[in-house]
Amino acid sequence: MSVRSTITSQFQLVAREHGRTLAPLTDELKLFDSGLDSLGLATVVARLADLLNSDPFDSGVDVSPVTFGDFVRMYEICDGSGSDGLAVGGRVDTALIE
């Protein structure tokens, strides 16, 4: 399963478990417009740490993904399957690659 598929399925699962209606998960969707609240997003991050064996939020790098696309790319870079840089909060952060 790809990183994107794993993330998408976790968003869907957590939304279902929390009784939330999930917006269509497009790259442009702002995370806080996804339908998950902060607890739901934290649950997704905790589960992804176990499933993907990586936690970009614990990397020592200041990451602030704004959109679903930023969020996915952040995990793809940590997994080694992403591009050379990550647009996070309007800036490109390549520190996650190292």
PDB file of N, CA and C in Angstrom:
ATOM      1  N   MET A   1       0.850  -1.171   0.000  1.00  0.00           N
ATOM      2  CA  MET A   1       0.000   0.000   0.000  1.00  0.00           C
ATOM      3  C   MET A   1       0.899   1.239   0.000  1.00  0.00           C
ATOM      4  N   SER A   2       0.590   2.221  -0.821  1.00  0.00           N
ATOM      5  CA  SER A   2       1.389   3.440  -0.894  1.00  0.00           C
ATOM      6  C   SER A   2       1.186   4.288   0.363  1.00  0.00           C
ATOM      7  N   VAL A   3       2.108   5.222   0.569  1.00  0.00           N
ATOM      8  CA  VAL A   3       1.999   6.141   1.700  1.00  0.00           C
ATOM      9  C   VAL A   3       0.685   6.917   1.599  1.00  0.00           C
ATOM     10  N   ARG A   4       0.377   7.436   0.409  1.00  0.00           N
ATOM     11  CA  ARG A   4      -0.862   8.202   0.218  1.00  0.00           C
ATOM     12  C   ARG A   4      -2.086   7.346   0.553  1.00  0.00           C
ATOM     13  N   SER A   5      -2.114   6.099   0.103  1.00  0.00           N
ATOM     14  CA  SER A   5      -3.252   5.214   0.374  1.00  0.00           C
ATOM     15  C   SER A   5      -3.392   4.933   1.865  1.00  0.00           C
ATOM     16  N   THR A   6      -2.275   4.731   2.531  1.00  0.00           N
ATOM     17  CA  THR A   6      -2.294   4.480   3.976  1.00  0.00           C
ATOM     18  C   THR A   6      -2.844   5.690   4.718  1.00  0.00           C
ATOM     19  N   ILE A   7      -2.388   6.876   4.345  1.00  0.00           N
ATOM     20  CA  ILE A   7      -2.859   8.106   4.990  1.00  0.00           C
ATOM     21  C   ILE A   7      -4.346   8.308   4.724  1.00  0.00           C
ATOM     22  N   THR A   8      -4.750   8.139   3.474  1.00  0.00           N
ATOM     23  CA  THR A   8      -6.164   8.311   3.118  1.00  0.00           C
ATOM     24  C   THR A   8      -7.037   7.350   3.900  1.00  0.00           C
ATOM     25  N   SER A   9      -6.630   6.096   3.994  1.00  0.00           N
ATOM     26  CA  SER A   9      -7.444   5.113   4.712  1.00  0.00           C
ATOM     27  C   SER A   9      -7.515   5.437   6.204  1.00  0.00           C
ATOM     28  N   GLN A  10      -6.452   5.984   6.776  1.00  0.00           N
ATOM     29  CA  GLN A  10      -6.480   6.355   8.189  1.00  0.00           C
ATOM     30  C   GLN A  10      -7.384   7.561   8.431  1.00  0.00           C
ATOM     31  N   PHE A  11      -7.364   8.543   7.528  1.00  0.00           N
ATOM     32  CA  PHE A  11      -8.295   9.671   7.641  1.00  0.00           C
ATOM     33  C   PHE A  11      -9.733   9.148   7.616  1.00  0.00           C
ATOM     34  N   GLN A  12     -10.023   8.246   6.691  1.00  0.00           N
ATOM     35  CA  GLN A  12     -11.375   7.703   6.566  1.00  0.00           C
ATOM     36  C   GLN A  12     -11.772   6.908   7.800  1.00  0.00           C
ATOM     37  N   LEU A  13     -10.875   6.081   8.293  1.00  0.00           N
ATOM     38  CA  LEU A  13     -11.156   5.257   9.467  1.00  0.00           C
ATOM     39  C   LEU A  13     -11.399   6.117  10.704  1.00  0.00           C
ATOM     40  N   VAL A  14     -10.529   7.090  10.931  1.00  0.00           N
ATOM     41  CA  VAL A  14     -10.673   7.949  12.112  1.00  0.00           C
ATOM     42  C   VAL A  14     -11.960   8.776  12.017  1.00  0.00           C
ATOM     43  N   ALA A  15     -12.286   9.272  10.838  1.00  0.00           N
ATOM     44  CA  ALA A  15     -13.538  10.023  10.667  1.00  0.00           C
ATOM     45  C   ALA A  15     -14.729   9.148  11.025  1.00  0.00           C
ATOM     46  N   ARG A  16     -14.714   7.922  10.550  1.00  0.00           N
ATOM     47  CA  ARG A  16     -15.810   6.987  10.846  1.00  0.00           C
ATOM     48  C   ARG A  16     -15.886   6.713  12.352  1.00  0.00           C
ATOM     49  N   GLU A  17     -14.739   6.444  12.978  1.00  0.00           N
ATOM     50  CA  GLU A  17     -14.705   6.142  14.416  1.00  0.00           C
ATOM     51  C   GLU A  17     -15.150   7.330  15.282  1.00  0.00           C
ATOM     52  N   HIS A  18     -14.874   8.543  14.808  1.00  0.00           N
ATOM     53  CA  HIS A  18     -15.207   9.746  15.573  1.00  0.00           C
ATOM     54  C   HIS A  18     -16.551  10.344  15.162  1.00  0.00           C
ATOM     55  N   GLY A  19     -17.249   9.664  14.245  1.00  0.00           N
ATOM     56  CA  GLY A  19     -18.555  10.142  13.817  1.00  0.00           C
ATOM     57  C   GLY A  19     -18.499  11.451  13.049  1.00  0.00           C
ATOM     58  N   ARG A  20     -17.438  11.639  12.290  1.00  0.00           N
ATOM     59  CA  ARG A  20     -17.240  12.881  11.543  1.00  0.00           C
ATOM     60  C   ARG A  20     -17.481  12.639  10.060  1.00  0.00           C
ATOM     61  N   THR A  21     -17.904  13.677   9.354  1.00  0.00           N
ATOM     62  CA  THR A  21     -18.062  13.618   7.909  1.00  0.00           C
ATOM     63  C   THR A  21     -16.788  14.144   7.282  1.00  0.00           C
ATOM     64  N   LEU A  22     -16.139  13.329   6.474  1.00  0.00           N
ATOM     65  CA  LEU A  22     -14.862  13.674   5.874  1.00  0.00           C
ATOM     66  C   LEU A  22     -15.083  14.351   4.529  1.00  0.00           C
ATOM     67  N   ALA A  23     -14.400  15.457   4.304  1.00  0.00           N
ATOM     68  CA  ALA A  23     -14.435  16.146   3.007  1.00  0.00           C
ATOM     69  C   ALA A  23     -13.622  15.323   2.008  1.00  0.00           C
ATOM     70  N   PRO A  24     -13.866  15.506   0.709  1.00  0.00           N
ATOM     71  CA  PRO A  24     -13.028  14.832  -0.290  1.00  0.00           C
ATOM     72  C   PRO A  24     -11.559  15.219  -0.081  1.00  0.00           C
ATOM     73  N   LEU A  25     -10.682  14.224   0.006  1.00  0.00           N
ATOM     74  CA  LEU A  25      -9.276  14.464   0.341  1.00  0.00           C
ATOM     75  C   LEU A  25      -8.465  14.815  -0.902  1.00  0.00           C
ATOM     76  N   THR A  26      -8.499  16.085  -1.250  1.00  0.00           N
ATOM     77  CA  THR A  26      -7.720  16.582  -2.379  1.00  0.00           C
ATOM     78  C   THR A  26      -6.435  17.214  -1.836  1.00  0.00           C
ATOM     79  N   ASP A  27      -5.441  17.354  -2.695  1.00  0.00           N
ATOM     80  CA  ASP A  27      -4.181  17.958  -2.266  1.00  0.00           C
ATOM     81  C   ASP A  27      -4.358  19.388  -1.769  1.00  0.00           C
ATOM     82  N   GLU A  28      -5.352  20.096  -2.268  1.00  0.00           N
ATOM     83  CA  GLU A  28      -5.568  21.499  -1.900  1.00  0.00           C
ATOM     84  C   GLU A  28      -6.379  21.669  -0.621  1.00  0.00           C
ATOM     85  N   LEU A  29      -6.984  20.606  -0.114  1.00  0.00           N
ATOM     86  CA  LEU A  29      -7.842  20.684   1.067  1.00  0.00           C
ATOM     87  C   LEU A  29      -7.040  21.070   2.304  1.00  0.00           C
ATOM     88  N   LYS A  30      -7.455  22.123   2.973  1.00  0.00           N
ATOM     89  CA  LYS A  30      -6.814  22.518   4.233  1.00  0.00           C
ATOM     90  C   LYS A  30      -7.156  21.468   5.294  1.00  0.00           C
ATOM     91  N   LEU A  31      -6.165  21.082   6.080  1.00  0.00           N
ATOM     92  CA  LEU A  31      -6.357  20.005   7.057  1.00  0.00           C
ATOM     93  C   LEU A  31      -7.520  20.266   8.003  1.00  0.00           C
ATOM     94  N   PHE A  32      -7.661  21.496   8.457  1.00  0.00           N
ATOM     95  CA  PHE A  32      -8.739  21.777   9.408  1.00  0.00           C
ATOM     96  C   PHE A  32     -10.094  21.929   8.731  1.00  0.00           C
ATOM     97  N   ASP A  33     -10.127  21.807   7.408  1.00  0.00           N
ATOM     98  CA  ASP A  33     -11.393  21.747   6.681  1.00  0.00           C
ATOM     99  C   ASP A  33     -11.710  20.306   6.267  1.00  0.00           C
ATOM    100  N   SER A  34     -10.892  19.368   6.721  1.00  0.00           N
ATOM    101  CA  SER A  34     -11.041  17.968   6.311  1.00  0.00           C
ATOM    102  C   SER A  34     -12.243  17.280   6.949  1.00  0.00           C
ATOM    103  N   GLY A  35     -12.703  17.811   8.062  1.00  0.00           N
ATOM    104  CA  GLY A  35     -13.784  17.167   8.798  1.00  0.00           C
ATOM    105  C   GLY A  35     -13.293  16.566  10.104  1.00  0.00           C
ATOM    106  N   LEU A  36     -11.969  16.413  10.242  1.00  0.00           N
ATOM    107  CA  LEU A  36     -11.398  15.917  11.493  1.00  0.00           C
ATOM    108  C   LEU A  36     -11.051  17.099  12.380  1.00  0.00           C
ATOM    109  N   ASP A  37     -11.272  16.945  13.677  1.00  0.00           N
ATOM    110  CA  ASP A  37     -10.851  17.974  14.616  1.00  0.00           C
ATOM    111  C   ASP A  37      -9.409  17.679  15.033  1.00  0.00           C
ATOM    112  N   SER A  38      -8.876  18.475  15.954  1.00  0.00           N
ATOM    113  CA  SER A  38      -7.473  18.301  16.342  1.00  0.00           C
ATOM    114  C   SER A  38      -7.214  16.929  16.965  1.00  0.00           C
ATOM    115  N   LEU A  39      -8.170  16.400  17.714  1.00  0.00           N
ATOM    116  CA  LEU A  39      -8.015  15.060  18.279  1.00  0.00           C
ATOM    117  C   LEU A  39      -7.971  14.010  17.169  1.00  0.00           C
ATOM    118  N   GLY A  40      -8.826  14.163  16.173  1.00  0.00           N
ATOM    119  CA  GLY A  40      -8.824  13.232  15.051  1.00  0.00           C
ATOM    120  C   GLY A  40      -7.514  13.271  14.288  1.00  0.00           C
ATOM    121  N   LEU A  41      -6.994  14.481  14.042  1.00  0.00           N
ATOM    122  CA  LEU A  41      -5.712  14.603  13.343  1.00  0.00           C
ATOM    123  C   LEU A  41      -4.577  14.004  14.174  1.00  0.00           C
ATOM    124  N   ALA A  42      -4.607  14.225  15.485  1.00  0.00           N
ATOM    125  CA  ALA A  42      -3.589  13.639  16.361  1.00  0.00           C
ATOM    126  C   ALA A  42      -3.669  12.113  16.345  1.00  0.00           C
ATOM    127  N   THR A  43      -4.868  11.572  16.277  1.00  0.00           N
ATOM    128  CA  THR A  43      -5.054  10.122  16.197  1.00  0.00           C
ATOM    129  C   THR A  43      -4.455   9.585  14.901  1.00  0.00           C
ATOM    130  N   VAL A  44      -4.691  10.286  13.798  1.00  0.00           N
ATOM    131  CA  VAL A  44      -4.121   9.880  12.510  1.00  0.00           C
ATOM    132  C   VAL A  44      -2.596   9.866  12.601  1.00  0.00           C
ATOM    133  N   VAL A  45      -2.011  10.924  13.143  1.00  0.00           N
ATOM    134  CA  VAL A  45      -0.547  11.023  13.254  1.00  0.00           C
ATOM    135  C   VAL A  45       0.009   9.880  14.107  1.00  0.00           C
ATOM    136  N   ALA A  46      -0.637   9.579  15.227  1.00  0.00           N
ATOM    137  CA  ALA A  46      -0.167   8.495  16.102  1.00  0.00           C
ATOM    138  C   ALA A  46      -0.233   7.153  15.386  1.00  0.00           C
ATOM    139  N   ARG A  47      -1.299   6.908  14.662  1.00  0.00           N
ATOM    140  CA  ARG A  47      -1.432   5.641  13.940  1.00  0.00           C
ATOM    141  C   ARG A  47      -0.429   5.536  12.805  1.00  0.00           C
ATOM    142  N   LEU A  48      -0.197   6.652  12.119  1.00  0.00           N
ATOM    143  CA  LEU A  48       0.772   6.636  11.018  1.00  0.00           C
ATOM    144  C   LEU A  48       2.181   6.385  11.532  1.00  0.00           C
ATOM    145  N   ALA A  49       2.490   6.864  12.731  1.00  0.00           N
ATOM    146  CA  ALA A  49       3.807   6.595  13.319  1.00  0.00           C
ATOM    147  C   ALA A  49       4.021   5.096  13.451  1.00  0.00           C
ATOM    148  N   ASP A  50       2.975   4.369  13.823  1.00  0.00           N
ATOM    149  CA  ASP A  50       3.069   2.909  13.951  1.00  0.00           C
ATOM    150  C   ASP A  50       3.062   2.225  12.586  1.00  0.00           C
ATOM    151  N   LEU A  51       2.150   2.633  11.711  1.00  0.00           N
ATOM    152  CA  LEU A  51       1.993   1.969  10.418  1.00  0.00           C
ATOM    153  C   LEU A  51       3.150   2.228   9.458  1.00  0.00           C
ATOM    154  N   LEU A  52       3.659   3.458   9.460  1.00  0.00           N
ATOM    155  CA  LEU A  52       4.706   3.829   8.511  1.00  0.00           C
ATOM    156  C   LEU A  52       6.088   3.865   9.154  1.00  0.00           C
ATOM    157  N   ASN A  53       6.120   3.642  10.457  1.00  0.00           N
ATOM    158  CA  ASN A  53       7.368   3.649  11.212  1.00  0.00           C
ATOM    159  C   ASN A  53       8.132   4.962  11.032  1.00  0.00           C
ATOM    160  N   SER A  54       7.399   6.059  10.947  1.00  0.00           N
ATOM    161  CA  SER A  54       8.024   7.374  10.875  1.00  0.00           C
ATOM    162  C   SER A  54       7.071   8.415  11.436  1.00  0.00           C
ATOM    163  N   ASP A  55       7.663   9.458  12.020  1.00  0.00           N
ATOM    164  CA  ASP A  55       6.879  10.559  12.570  1.00  0.00           C
ATOM    165  C   ASP A  55       7.592  11.855  12.237  1.00  0.00           C
ATOM    166  N   PRO A  56       7.206  12.502  11.135  1.00  0.00           N
ATOM    167  CA  PRO A  56       7.876  13.738  10.749  1.00  0.00           C
ATOM    168  C   PRO A  56       7.751  14.846  11.787  1.00  0.00           C
ATOM    169  N   PHE A  57       6.761  14.766  12.657  1.00  0.00           N
ATOM    170  CA  PHE A  57       6.585  15.775  13.694  1.00  0.00           C
ATOM    171  C   PHE A  57       7.601  15.604  14.812  1.00  0.00           C
ATOM    172  N   ASP A  58       8.253  14.446  14.860  1.00  0.00           N
ATOM    173  CA  ASP A  58       9.261  14.151  15.877  1.00  0.00           C
ATOM    174  C   ASP A  58      10.665  14.181  15.281  1.00  0.00           C
ATOM    175  N   SER A  59      10.816  14.835  14.119  1.00  0.00           N
ATOM    176  CA  SER A  59      12.085  14.822  13.401  1.00  0.00           C
ATOM    177  C   SER A  59      13.042  15.919  13.842  1.00  0.00           C
ATOM    178  N   GLY A  60      12.575  16.845  14.687  1.00  0.00           N
ATOM    179  CA  GLY A  60      13.406  17.963  15.084  1.00  0.00           C
ATOM    180  C   GLY A  60      13.338  19.121  14.110  1.00  0.00           C
ATOM    181  N   VAL A  61      12.574  18.943  13.034  1.00  0.00           N
ATOM    182  CA  VAL A  61      12.388  19.979  12.029  1.00  0.00           C
ATOM    183  C   VAL A  61      11.013  20.594  12.243  1.00  0.00           C
ATOM    184  N   ASP A  62      10.928  21.908  12.147  1.00  0.00           N
ATOM    185  CA  ASP A  62       9.651  22.599  12.300  1.00  0.00           C
ATOM    186  C   ASP A  62       8.814  22.363  11.052  1.00  0.00           C
ATOM    187  N   VAL A  63       7.817  21.500  11.149  1.00  0.00           N
ATOM    188  CA  VAL A  63       6.923  21.218  10.025  1.00  0.00           C
ATOM    189  C   VAL A  63       5.520  21.670  10.383  1.00  0.00           C
ATOM    190  N   SER A  64       4.884  22.302   9.448  1.00  0.00           N
ATOM    191  CA  SER A  64       3.524  22.796   9.653  1.00  0.00           C
ATOM    192  C   SER A  64       2.718  22.599   8.378  1.00  0.00           C
ATOM    193  N   PRO A  65       2.323  21.364   8.092  1.00  0.00           N
ATOM    194  CA  PRO A  65       1.553  21.141   6.870  1.00  0.00           C
ATOM    195  C   PRO A  65       0.206  21.851   6.962  1.00  0.00           C
ATOM    196  N   VAL A  66      -0.161  22.530   5.898  1.00  0.00           N
ATOM    197  CA  VAL A  66      -1.412  23.270   5.869  1.00  0.00           C
ATOM    198  C   VAL A  66      -2.484  22.471   5.145  1.00  0.00           C
ATOM    199  N   THR A  67      -2.107  21.830   4.058  1.00  0.00           N
ATOM    200  CA  THR A  67      -3.071  21.099   3.234  1.00  0.00           C
ATOM    201  C   THR A  67      -2.853  19.596   3.342  1.00  0.00           C
ATOM    202  N   PHE A  68      -3.846  18.854   2.865  1.00  0.00           N
ATOM    203  CA  PHE A  68      -3.723  17.398   2.824  1.00  0.00           C
ATOM    204  C   PHE A  68      -2.527  17.000   1.960  1.00  0.00           C
ATOM    205  N   GLY A  69      -2.321  17.707   0.853  1.00  0.00           N
ATOM    206  CA  GLY A  69      -1.184  17.424  -0.022  1.00  0.00           C
ATOM    207  C   GLY A  69       0.148  17.626   0.689  1.00  0.00           C
ATOM    208  N   ASP A  70       0.272  18.707   1.478  1.00  0.00           N
ATOM    209  CA  ASP A  70       1.482  18.938   2.279  1.00  0.00           C
ATOM    210  C   ASP A  70       1.700  17.777   3.243  1.00  0.00           C
ATOM    211  N   PHE A  71       0.621  17.361   3.883  1.00  0.00           N
ATOM    212  CA  PHE A  71       0.674  16.285   4.875  1.00  0.00           C
ATOM    213  C   PHE A  71       1.179  14.989   4.240  1.00  0.00           C
ATOM    214  N   VAL A  72       0.620  14.643   3.087  1.00  0.00           N
ATOM    215  CA  VAL A  72       1.027  13.422   2.386  1.00  0.00           C
ATOM    216  C   VAL A  72       2.491  13.518   1.959  1.00  0.00           C
ATOM    217  N   ARG A  73       2.880  14.632   1.341  1.00  0.00           N
ATOM    218  CA  ARG A  73       4.264  14.788   0.881  1.00  0.00           C
ATOM    219  C   ARG A  73       5.251  14.707   2.035  1.00  0.00           C
ATOM    220  N   MET A  74       4.874  15.236   3.192  1.00  0.00           N
ATOM    221  CA  MET A  74       5.732  15.171   4.368  1.00  0.00           C
ATOM    222  C   MET A  74       6.045  13.712   4.733  1.00  0.00           C
ATOM    223  N   TYR A  75       5.030  12.868   4.715  1.00  0.00           N
ATOM    224  CA  TYR A  75       5.235  11.453   5.021  1.00  0.00           C
ATOM    225  C   TYR A  75       5.959  10.733   3.884  1.00  0.00           C
ATOM    226  N   GLU A  76       5.678  11.104   2.639  1.00  0.00           N
ATOM    227  CA  GLU A  76       6.376  10.482   1.505  1.00  0.00           C
ATOM    228  C   GLU A  76       7.869  10.777   1.560  1.00  0.00           C
ATOM    229  N   ILE A  77       8.226  11.988   1.954  1.00  0.00           N
ATOM    230  CA  ILE A  77       9.642  12.335   2.066  1.00  0.00           C
ATOM    231  C   ILE A  77      10.298  11.538   3.184  1.00  0.00           C
ATOM    232  N   CYS A  78       9.636  11.417   4.311  1.00  0.00           N
ATOM    233  CA  CYS A  78      10.186  10.629   5.423  1.00  0.00           C
ATOM    234  C   CYS A  78      10.340   9.161   5.044  1.00  0.00           C
ATOM    235  N   ASP A  79       9.439   8.709   4.170  1.00  0.00           N
ATOM    236  CA  ASP A  79       9.458   7.324   3.720  1.00  0.00           C
ATOM    237  C   ASP A  79      10.469   7.108   2.595  1.00  0.00           C
ATOM    238  N   GLY A  80      10.941   8.193   2.007  1.00  0.00           N
ATOM    239  CA  GLY A  80      11.868   8.084   0.890  1.00  0.00           C
ATOM    240  C   GLY A  80      11.187   7.970  -0.455  1.00  0.00           C
ATOM    241  N   SER A  81       9.862   8.085  -0.493  1.00  0.00           N
ATOM    242  CA  SER A  81       9.146   7.939  -1.757  1.00  0.00           C
ATOM    243  C   SER A  81       8.678   9.271  -2.323  1.00  0.00           C
ATOM    244  N   GLY A  82       9.078  10.382  -1.668  1.00  0.00           N
ATOM    245  CA  GLY A  82       8.616  11.700  -2.106  1.00  0.00           C
ATOM    246  C   GLY A  82       9.620  12.414  -2.969  1.00  0.00           C
ATOM    247  N   SER A  83       9.337  13.683  -3.219  1.00  0.00           N
ATOM    248  CA  SER A  83      10.190  14.521  -4.046  1.00  0.00           C
ATOM    249  C   SER A  83      11.370  15.038  -3.232  1.00  0.00           C
ATOM    250  N   ASP A  84      12.147  15.922  -3.833  1.00  0.00           N
ATOM    251  CA  ASP A  84      13.336  16.461  -3.171  1.00  0.00           C
ATOM    252  C   ASP A  84      13.045  17.524  -2.133  1.00  0.00           C
ATOM    253  N   GLY A  85      11.855  18.074  -2.120  1.00  0.00           N
ATOM    254  CA  GLY A  85      11.534  19.141  -1.178  1.00  0.00           C
ATOM    255  C   GLY A  85      10.094  19.049  -0.751  1.00  0.00           C
ATOM    256  N   LEU A  86       9.746  19.824   0.228  1.00  0.00           N
ATOM    257  CA  LEU A  86       8.391  19.793   0.763  1.00  0.00           C
ATOM    258  C   LEU A  86       7.915  21.209   0.972  1.00  0.00           C
ATOM    259  N   ALA A  87       6.818  21.547   0.356  1.00  0.00           N
ATOM    260  CA  ALA A  87       6.226  22.860   0.579  1.00  0.00           C
ATOM    261  C   ALA A  87       5.374  22.775   1.832  1.00  0.00           C
ATOM    262  N   VAL A  88       5.803  23.416   2.867  1.00  0.00           N
ATOM    263  CA  VAL A  88       5.082  23.383   4.135  1.00  0.00           C
ATOM    264  C   VAL A  88       4.857  24.811   4.577  1.00  0.00           C
ATOM    265  N   GLY A  89       3.595  25.180   4.728  1.00  0.00           N
ATOM    266  CA  GLY A  89       3.274  26.515   5.187  1.00  0.00           C
ATOM    267  C   GLY A  89       3.840  27.602   4.289  1.00  0.00           C
ATOM    268  N   GLY A  90       3.886  27.327   2.989  1.00  0.00           N
ATOM    269  CA  GLY A  90       4.343  28.320   2.038  1.00  0.00           C
ATOM    270  C   GLY A  90       5.845  28.351   1.841  1.00  0.00           C
ATOM    271  N   ARG A  91       6.588  27.443   2.442  1.00  0.00           N
ATOM    272  CA  ARG A  91       8.032  27.417   2.241  1.00  0.00           C
ATOM    273  C   ARG A  91       8.453  26.003   1.857  1.00  0.00           C
ATOM    274  N   VAL A  92       9.580  25.870   1.221  1.00  0.00           N
ATOM    275  CA  VAL A  92      10.092  24.548   0.866  1.00  0.00           C
ATOM    276  C   VAL A  92      11.095  24.136   1.931  1.00  0.00           C
ATOM    277  N   ASP A  93      10.882  22.979   2.497  1.00  0.00           N
ATOM    278  CA  ASP A  93      11.725  22.486   3.563  1.00  0.00           C
ATOM    279  C   ASP A  93      12.369  21.188   3.119  1.00  0.00           C
ATOM    280  N   THR A  94      13.669  21.211   2.858  1.00  0.00           N
ATOM    281  CA  THR A  94      14.361  20.008   2.422  1.00  0.00           C
ATOM    282  C   THR A  94      15.061  19.295   3.580  1.00  0.00           C
ATOM    283  N   ALA A  95      14.964  19.819   4.771  1.00  0.00           N
ATOM    284  CA  ALA A  95      15.655  19.227   5.923  1.00  0.00           C
ATOM    285  C   ALA A  95      15.141  17.839   6.261  1.00  0.00           C
ATOM    286  N   LEU A  96      13.895  17.536   5.898  1.00  0.00           N
ATOM    287  CA  LEU A  96      13.348  16.221   6.215  1.00  0.00           C
ATOM    288  C   LEU A  96      14.001  15.110   5.396  1.00  0.00           C
ATOM    289  N   ILE A  97      14.665  15.476   4.320  1.00  0.00           N
ATOM    290  CA  ILE A  97      15.247  14.477   3.441  1.00  0.00           C
ATOM    291  C   ILE A  97      16.514  13.880   4.034  1.00  0.00           C
ATOM    292  N   GLU A  98      17.228  14.676   4.795  1.00  0.00           N
ATOM    293  CA  GLU A  98      18.518  14.253   5.311  1.00  0.00           C
ATOM    294  C   GLU A  98      18.400  13.227   6.409  1.00  0.00           C
TER     295      GLU A  98
END
